[in-house]
Amino acid sequence: MKKAKKLIIVHAGVVLVFVAYYALLYLLDATCLIREITSHPCPTCGMTRAFLSLLRFDLEGYFYYNPATIACVVAILLGAHKKLISGRVSSRVVDYSIIALTLGILTVYIVRLMASGLPQ
């Protein structure tokens, strides 16, 4: 029961961080803080729209907005639930999976930057 409470608190904290971030974006009338500051997109730009496209089974929209969305969600879930998973899967496998997913996300980001003509 103690683990369940801790897990609920962690999830509630993550949800609150996302709500606070989106509230800040709304108040600043911005779509991305990094884009507002640097005028360049961040690696997660378009992930919300990509995820919503995926929920509508719009694969073209998903790949257009950000094809690294699923990898990012899986990496976050693996990192957040590492202790829960480690009883069934080696901790090293989880770590390598997170590293591989992160490298995939960064690769997609770099390719998207190069395709848009932005300086590397």
C-alpha atoms as a PDB file:
ATOM      1  CA  MET A   1       0.000   0.000   0.000  1.00  0.00           C
ATOM      2  CA  LYS A   2       2.886   2.343   0.758  1.00  0.00           C
ATOM      3  CA  LYS A   3       4.297   1.822  -2.746  1.00  0.00           C
ATOM      4  CA  ALA A   4       0.924   2.602  -4.307  1.00  0.00           C
ATOM      5  CA  LYS A   5       0.673   5.899  -2.417  1.00  0.00           C
ATOM      6  CA  LYS A   6       4.187   6.864  -3.458  1.00  0.00           C
ATOM      7  CA  LEU A   7       3.427   5.971  -7.069  1.00  0.00           C
ATOM      8  CA  ILE A   8       0.249   8.050  -7.016  1.00  0.00           C
ATOM      9  CA  ILE A   9       2.135  11.015  -5.546  1.00  0.00           C
ATOM     10  CA  VAL A  10       4.855  10.762  -8.213  1.00  0.00           C
ATOM     11  CA  HIS A  11       2.286  10.598 -11.005  1.00  0.00           C
ATOM     12  CA  ALA A  12       0.333  13.510  -9.544  1.00  0.00           C
ATOM     13  CA  GLY A  13       3.566  15.513  -9.384  1.00  0.00           C
ATOM     14  CA  VAL A  14       4.318  14.800 -13.052  1.00  0.00           C
ATOM     15  CA  VAL A  15       0.794  15.827 -14.045  1.00  0.00           C
ATOM     16  CA  LEU A  16       1.131  19.039 -12.014  1.00  0.00           C
ATOM     17  CA  VAL A  17       4.423  19.888 -13.732  1.00  0.00           C
ATOM     18  CA  PHE A  18       2.805  19.457 -17.151  1.00  0.00           C
ATOM     19  CA  VAL A  19      -0.227  21.522 -16.118  1.00  0.00           C
ATOM     20  CA  ALA A  20       2.029  24.290 -14.771  1.00  0.00           C
ATOM     21  CA  TYR A  21       4.101  24.252 -17.967  1.00  0.00           C
ATOM     22  CA  TYR A  22       1.047  24.509 -20.201  1.00  0.00           C
ATOM     23  CA  ALA A  23      -0.428  27.222 -17.980  1.00  0.00           C
ATOM     24  CA  LEU A  24       2.810  29.191 -18.352  1.00  0.00           C
ATOM     25  CA  LEU A  25       2.707  28.723 -22.125  1.00  0.00           C
ATOM     26  CA  TYR A  26      -0.892  29.934 -22.144  1.00  0.00           C
ATOM     27  CA  LEU A  27      -0.051  33.000 -20.044  1.00  0.00           C
ATOM     28  CA  LEU A  28       2.881  33.879 -22.297  1.00  0.00           C
ATOM     29  CA  ASP A  29       0.825  33.158 -25.426  1.00  0.00           C
ATOM     30  CA  ALA A  30       3.602  30.850 -26.617  1.00  0.00           C
ATOM     31  CA  THR A  31       3.747  27.356 -28.056  1.00  0.00           C
ATOM     32  CA  CYS A  32       7.238  26.494 -26.799  1.00  0.00           C
ATOM     33  CA  LEU A  33       9.454  28.348 -24.315  1.00  0.00           C
ATOM     34  CA  ILE A  34      12.658  27.243 -26.007  1.00  0.00           C
ATOM     35  CA  ARG A  35      11.371  28.398 -29.392  1.00  0.00           C
ATOM     36  CA  GLU A  36      10.318  31.718 -27.841  1.00  0.00           C
ATOM     37  CA  ILE A  37      13.783  32.265 -26.357  1.00  0.00           C
ATOM     38  CA  THR A  38      16.041  30.879 -29.118  1.00  0.00           C
ATOM     39  CA  SER A  39      13.733  31.000 -32.179  1.00  0.00           C
ATOM     40  CA  HIS A  40      14.690  27.372 -32.827  1.00  0.00           C
ATOM     41  CA  PRO A  41      12.423  24.396 -32.075  1.00  0.00           C
ATOM     42  CA  CYS A  42      13.232  22.069 -29.203  1.00  0.00           C
ATOM     43  CA  PRO A  43      13.410  18.250 -29.526  1.00  0.00           C
ATOM     44  CA  THR A  44       9.871  17.948 -28.152  1.00  0.00           C
ATOM     45  CA  CYS A  45       8.251  20.571 -30.380  1.00  0.00           C
ATOM     46  CA  GLY A  46       5.174  19.109 -32.000  1.00  0.00           C
ATOM     47  CA  MET A  47       4.865  16.128 -29.646  1.00  0.00           C
ATOM     48  CA  THR A  48       1.464  17.135 -28.293  1.00  0.00           C
ATOM     49  CA  ARG A  49       0.049  17.521 -31.801  1.00  0.00           C
ATOM     50  CA  ALA A  50       1.768  14.294 -32.894  1.00  0.00           C
ATOM     51  CA  PHE A  51       0.268  12.392 -29.950  1.00  0.00           C
ATOM     52  CA  LEU A  52      -3.200  13.798 -30.703  1.00  0.00           C
ATOM     53  CA  SER A  53      -2.773  12.828 -34.365  1.00  0.00           C
ATOM     54  CA  LEU A  54      -1.836   9.321 -33.290  1.00  0.00           C
ATOM     55  CA  LEU A  55      -4.965   9.096 -31.140  1.00  0.00           C
ATOM     56  CA  ARG A  56      -6.989   9.958 -34.271  1.00  0.00           C
ATOM     57  CA  PHE A  57      -5.049   7.309 -36.255  1.00  0.00           C
ATOM     58  CA  ASP A  58      -3.635  10.106 -38.443  1.00  0.00           C
ATOM     59  CA  LEU A  59      -0.188   8.627 -39.099  1.00  0.00           C
ATOM     60  CA  GLU A  60       0.699  11.280 -41.662  1.00  0.00           C
ATOM     61  CA  GLY A  61       0.069  14.006 -39.078  1.00  0.00           C
ATOM     62  CA  TYR A  62       1.985  12.030 -36.444  1.00  0.00           C
ATOM     63  CA  PHE A  63       5.104  11.783 -38.604  1.00  0.00           C
ATOM     64  CA  TYR A  64       4.752  15.397 -39.730  1.00  0.00           C
ATOM     65  CA  TYR A  65       4.579  16.880 -36.227  1.00  0.00           C
ATOM     66  CA  ASN A  66       7.184  14.749 -34.428  1.00  0.00           C
ATOM     67  CA  PRO A  67       7.886  11.066 -35.134  1.00  0.00           C
ATOM     68  CA  ALA A  68       9.892  10.723 -31.904  1.00  0.00           C
ATOM     69  CA  THR A  69       6.816  11.084 -29.682  1.00  0.00           C
ATOM     70  CA  ILE A  70       6.360   7.395 -28.899  1.00  0.00           C
ATOM     71  CA  ALA A  71      10.082   6.994 -28.141  1.00  0.00           C
ATOM     72  CA  CYS A  72       9.929   9.962 -25.764  1.00  0.00           C
ATOM     73  CA  VAL A  73       6.856   8.648 -23.946  1.00  0.00           C
ATOM     74  CA  VAL A  74       8.412   5.183 -23.600  1.00  0.00           C
ATOM     75  CA  ALA A  75      11.708   6.648 -22.311  1.00  0.00           C
ATOM     76  CA  ILE A  76       9.862   8.738 -19.721  1.00  0.00           C
ATOM     77  CA  LEU A  77       7.775   5.766 -18.594  1.00  0.00           C
ATOM     78  CA  LEU A  78      10.836   3.517 -18.355  1.00  0.00           C
ATOM     79  CA  GLY A  79      12.704   6.124 -16.335  1.00  0.00           C
ATOM     80  CA  ALA A  80       9.760   6.814 -14.040  1.00  0.00           C
ATOM     81  CA  HIS A  81       9.023   3.138 -13.409  1.00  0.00           C
ATOM     82  CA  LYS A  82      12.561   1.785 -13.377  1.00  0.00           C
ATOM     83  CA  LYS A  83      12.272   0.337  -9.875  1.00  0.00           C
ATOM     84  CA  LEU A  84       8.942  -1.277 -10.690  1.00  0.00           C
ATOM     85  CA  ILE A  85      10.316  -2.838 -13.883  1.00  0.00           C
ATOM     86  CA  SER A  86      13.696  -3.870 -12.454  1.00  0.00           C
ATOM     87  CA  GLY A  87      12.170  -6.905 -10.738  1.00  0.00           C
ATOM     88  CA  ARG A  88      11.197  -8.332 -14.118  1.00  0.00           C
ATOM     89  CA  VAL A  89      13.897  -6.916 -16.388  1.00  0.00           C
ATOM     90  CA  SER A  90      17.548  -6.197 -15.708  1.00  0.00           C
ATOM     91  CA  SER A  91      18.239  -2.628 -14.619  1.00  0.00           C
ATOM     92  CA  ARG A  92      20.995  -2.485 -17.222  1.00  0.00           C
ATOM     93  CA  VAL A  93      18.507  -3.349 -20.001  1.00  0.00           C
ATOM     94  CA  VAL A  94      16.262  -0.505 -18.852  1.00  0.00           C
ATOM     95  CA  ASP A  95      19.206   1.920 -18.795  1.00  0.00           C
ATOM     96  CA  TYR A  96      20.356   0.899 -22.285  1.00  0.00           C
ATOM     97  CA  SER A  97      16.801   1.181 -23.570  1.00  0.00           C
ATOM     98  CA  ILE A  98      16.493   4.727 -22.223  1.00  0.00           C
ATOM     99  CA  ILE A  99      19.855   5.650 -23.773  1.00  0.00           C
ATOM    100  CA  ALA A 100      18.866   4.152 -27.144  1.00  0.00           C
ATOM    101  CA  LEU A 101      15.506   5.946 -27.109  1.00  0.00           C
ATOM    102  CA  THR A 102      17.177   9.237 -26.190  1.00  0.00           C
ATOM    103  CA  LEU A 103      19.685   8.854 -29.021  1.00  0.00           C
ATOM    104  CA  GLY A 104      16.797   8.139 -31.394  1.00  0.00           C
ATOM    105  CA  ILE A 105      14.982  11.273 -30.236  1.00  0.00           C
ATOM    106  CA  LEU A 106      18.114  13.388 -30.707  1.00  0.00           C
ATOM    107  CA  THR A 107      18.697  11.867 -34.150  1.00  0.00           C
ATOM    108  CA  VAL A 108      15.162  12.784 -35.228  1.00  0.00           C
ATOM    109  CA  TYR A 109      15.710  16.287 -33.834  1.00  0.00           C
ATOM    110  CA  ILE A 110      18.966  16.798 -35.742  1.00  0.00           C
ATOM    111  CA  VAL A 111      17.457  15.468 -38.979  1.00  0.00           C
ATOM    112  CA  ARG A 112      14.462  17.792 -38.576  1.00  0.00           C
ATOM    113  CA  LEU A 113      16.778  20.770 -37.955  1.00  0.00           C
ATOM    114  CA  MET A 114      18.848  19.954 -41.016  1.00  0.00           C
ATOM    115  CA  ALA A 115      15.725  19.475 -43.165  1.00  0.00           C
ATOM    116  CA  SER A 116      14.323  22.845 -42.091  1.00  0.00           C
ATOM    117  CA  GLY A 117      17.523  24.620 -43.073  1.00  0.00           C
ATOM    118  CA  LEU A 118      18.407  25.803 -39.569  1.00  0.00           C
ATOM    119  CA  PRO A 119      22.094  26.114 -38.698  1.00  0.00           C
ATOM    120  CA  GLN A 120      23.430  23.122 -36.817  1.00  0.00           C
END
